[in-house]
């Protein structure tokens, strides 16, 4: 277990370093690296590691997702996010489209 934890944290540290270096170059480069990681199922594995019992593995995997993939789930869904009024969350459905559909 200790060897697996060490290997996992080392791999996550390496992934974080690669993504960090790509981010320093440009948004386009980091987006391409993120896409490559997704295409080889790396993101799925990182997401699974968020459930790991080792706190360092959990924290590092969560950090990677928060820093480099945060916008993926939220992109295009701003209208679905709750608002806070008087300390209470307010949920509402998106407004229905009034535009006509043409073929």
C-alpha atoms as a PDB file:
ATOM      1  CA  UNK A   1       0.000   0.000   0.000  1.00  0.00           C
ATOM      2  CA  UNK A   2       2.814   2.424   0.836  1.00  0.00           C
ATOM      3  CA  UNK A   3       4.475   1.779  -2.533  1.00  0.00           C
ATOM      4  CA  UNK A   4       1.201   2.342  -4.398  1.00  0.00           C
ATOM      5  CA  UNK A   5       0.610   5.579  -2.474  1.00  0.00           C
ATOM      6  CA  UNK A   6       4.124   6.796  -3.256  1.00  0.00           C
ATOM      7  CA  UNK A   7       3.735   5.915  -6.932  1.00  0.00           C
ATOM      8  CA  UNK A   8       0.328   7.572  -7.110  1.00  0.00           C
ATOM      9  CA  UNK A   9       1.482  10.793  -5.469  1.00  0.00           C
ATOM     10  CA  UNK A  10       4.552  10.837  -7.700  1.00  0.00           C
ATOM     11  CA  UNK A  11       2.411  10.395 -10.805  1.00  0.00           C
ATOM     12  CA  UNK A  12      -0.038  13.077  -9.685  1.00  0.00           C
ATOM     13  CA  UNK A  13       2.835  15.455  -8.896  1.00  0.00           C
ATOM     14  CA  UNK A  14       4.206  14.834 -12.379  1.00  0.00           C
ATOM     15  CA  UNK A  15       0.839  15.428 -14.044  1.00  0.00           C
ATOM     16  CA  UNK A  16       0.392  18.629 -12.057  1.00  0.00           C
ATOM     17  CA  UNK A  17       3.858  19.815 -13.090  1.00  0.00           C
ATOM     18  CA  UNK A  18       3.208  19.066 -16.766  1.00  0.00           C
ATOM     19  CA  UNK A  19      -0.139  20.858 -16.728  1.00  0.00           C
ATOM     20  CA  UNK A  20       1.398  23.774 -14.813  1.00  0.00           C
ATOM     21  CA  UNK A  21       4.198  24.105 -17.363  1.00  0.00           C
ATOM     22  CA  UNK A  22       1.678  23.951 -20.218  1.00  0.00           C
ATOM     23  CA  UNK A  23      -0.412  26.663 -18.531  1.00  0.00           C
ATOM     24  CA  UNK A  24       2.639  28.936 -18.388  1.00  0.00           C
ATOM     25  CA  UNK A  25       2.996  28.648 -22.174  1.00  0.00           C
ATOM     26  CA  UNK A  26      -0.608  29.450 -23.107  1.00  0.00           C
ATOM     27  CA  UNK A  27      -4.230  28.549 -22.544  1.00  0.00           C
ATOM     28  CA  UNK A  28      -4.255  26.763 -25.897  1.00  0.00           C
ATOM     29  CA  UNK A  29      -1.338  24.529 -24.894  1.00  0.00           C
ATOM     30  CA  UNK A  30      -2.784  23.604 -21.498  1.00  0.00           C
ATOM     31  CA  UNK A  31      -6.149  22.885 -23.130  1.00  0.00           C
ATOM     32  CA  UNK A  32      -4.471  20.529 -25.615  1.00  0.00           C
ATOM     33  CA  UNK A  33      -2.566  18.750 -22.834  1.00  0.00           C
ATOM     34  CA  UNK A  34      -5.788  18.430 -20.803  1.00  0.00           C
ATOM     35  CA  UNK A  35      -7.541  16.970 -23.832  1.00  0.00           C
ATOM     36  CA  UNK A  36      -4.722  14.465 -24.371  1.00  0.00           C
ATOM     37  CA  UNK A  37      -4.979  13.411 -20.739  1.00  0.00           C
ATOM     38  CA  UNK A  38      -8.743  12.937 -21.141  1.00  0.00           C
ATOM     39  CA  UNK A  39      -8.322  10.932 -24.347  1.00  0.00           C
ATOM     40  CA  UNK A  40      -6.109   8.374 -22.598  1.00  0.00           C
ATOM     41  CA  UNK A  41      -8.597   8.076 -19.683  1.00  0.00           C
ATOM     42  CA  UNK A  42      -6.241   9.931 -17.367  1.00  0.00           C
ATOM     43  CA  UNK A  43      -8.951  12.296 -16.159  1.00  0.00           C
ATOM     44  CA  UNK A  44     -11.193   9.351 -15.230  1.00  0.00           C
ATOM     45  CA  UNK A  45      -8.374   7.870 -13.171  1.00  0.00           C
ATOM     46  CA  UNK A  46      -7.649  11.191 -11.477  1.00  0.00           C
ATOM     47  CA  UNK A  47     -11.346  11.542 -10.614  1.00  0.00           C
ATOM     48  CA  UNK A  48     -11.330   8.056  -9.073  1.00  0.00           C
ATOM     49  CA  UNK A  49      -8.303   8.994  -6.978  1.00  0.00           C
ATOM     50  CA  UNK A  50     -10.406  11.705  -5.316  1.00  0.00           C
ATOM     51  CA  UNK A  51     -11.991   8.826  -3.404  1.00  0.00           C
ATOM     52  CA  UNK A  52      -8.651   7.416  -2.219  1.00  0.00           C
ATOM     53  CA  UNK A  53      -8.164   6.926   1.525  1.00  0.00           C
ATOM     54  CA  UNK A  54      -4.736   8.599   1.430  1.00  0.00           C
ATOM     55  CA  UNK A  55      -5.287  12.304   2.122  1.00  0.00           C
ATOM     56  CA  UNK A  56      -2.349  13.431  -0.032  1.00  0.00           C
ATOM     57  CA  UNK A  57      -3.596  11.475  -3.053  1.00  0.00           C
ATOM     58  CA  UNK A  58      -7.099  12.842  -2.578  1.00  0.00           C
ATOM     59  CA  UNK A  59      -5.837  16.419  -2.191  1.00  0.00           C
ATOM     60  CA  UNK A  60      -3.515  16.314  -5.197  1.00  0.00           C
ATOM     61  CA  UNK A  61      -6.123  14.764  -7.506  1.00  0.00           C
ATOM     62  CA  UNK A  62      -8.722  17.304  -6.362  1.00  0.00           C
ATOM     63  CA  UNK A  63      -6.218  20.113  -6.926  1.00  0.00           C
ATOM     64  CA  UNK A  64      -5.543  18.987 -10.506  1.00  0.00           C
ATOM     65  CA  UNK A  65      -9.238  18.880 -11.328  1.00  0.00           C
ATOM     66  CA  UNK A  66      -9.927  22.201  -9.625  1.00  0.00           C
ATOM     67  CA  UNK A  67      -7.052  24.023 -11.334  1.00  0.00           C
ATOM     68  CA  UNK A  68      -7.197  22.551 -14.816  1.00  0.00           C
ATOM     69  CA  UNK A  69     -10.664  21.048 -15.367  1.00  0.00           C
ATOM     70  CA  UNK A  70     -12.974  23.214 -13.268  1.00  0.00           C
ATOM     71  CA  UNK A  71     -14.651  24.928 -16.192  1.00  0.00           C
ATOM     72  CA  UNK A  72     -15.452  21.709 -18.053  1.00  0.00           C
ATOM     73  CA  UNK A  73     -18.549  20.819 -16.029  1.00  0.00           C
ATOM     74  CA  UNK A  74     -19.713  24.391 -15.660  1.00  0.00           C
ATOM     75  CA  UNK A  75     -19.185  25.575 -19.222  1.00  0.00           C
ATOM     76  CA  UNK A  76     -22.482  26.607 -20.739  1.00  0.00           C
ATOM     77  CA  UNK A  77     -24.387  25.947 -17.519  1.00  0.00           C
ATOM     78  CA  UNK A  78     -24.161  29.342 -15.824  1.00  0.00           C
ATOM     79  CA  UNK A  79     -27.937  29.689 -15.885  1.00  0.00           C
ATOM     80  CA  UNK A  80     -28.272  26.421 -13.949  1.00  0.00           C
ATOM     81  CA  UNK A  81     -26.156  27.651 -11.041  1.00  0.00           C
ATOM     82  CA  UNK A  82     -28.107  28.672  -7.947  1.00  0.00           C
ATOM     83  CA  UNK A  83     -28.142  32.250  -6.722  1.00  0.00           C
ATOM     84  CA  UNK A  84     -27.915  33.237  -3.071  1.00  0.00           C
ATOM     85  CA  UNK A  85     -30.559  35.557  -1.660  1.00  0.00           C
ATOM     86  CA  UNK A  86     -30.747  36.313   2.061  1.00  0.00           C
ATOM     87  CA  UNK A  87     -28.425  33.413   2.787  1.00  0.00           C
ATOM     88  CA  UNK A  88     -30.662  30.948   0.906  1.00  0.00           C
ATOM     89  CA  UNK A  89     -29.897  29.184  -2.346  1.00  0.00           C
ATOM     90  CA  UNK A  90     -32.408  29.941  -5.082  1.00  0.00           C
ATOM     91  CA  UNK A  91     -32.734  27.454  -7.913  1.00  0.00           C
ATOM     92  CA  UNK A  92     -34.553  28.190 -11.130  1.00  0.00           C
ATOM     93  CA  UNK A  93     -34.981  26.559 -14.492  1.00  0.00           C
ATOM     94  CA  UNK A  94     -33.463  28.256 -17.530  1.00  0.00           C
ATOM     95  CA  UNK A  95     -35.789  30.519 -19.459  1.00  0.00           C
ATOM     96  CA  UNK A  96     -37.545  28.800 -22.328  1.00  0.00           C
ATOM     97  CA  UNK A  97     -36.365  29.761 -25.762  1.00  0.00           C
ATOM     98  CA  UNK A  98     -38.763  32.051 -27.589  1.00  0.00           C
ATOM     99  CA  UNK A  99     -37.014  31.610 -30.905  1.00  0.00           C
ATOM    100  CA  UNK A 100     -38.595  29.693 -33.751  1.00  0.00           C
ATOM    101  CA  UNK A 101     -37.076  26.530 -35.050  1.00  0.00           C
ATOM    102  CA  UNK A 102     -36.515  26.510 -38.769  1.00  0.00           C
ATOM    103  CA  UNK A 103     -35.334  23.678 -40.948  1.00  0.00           C
END
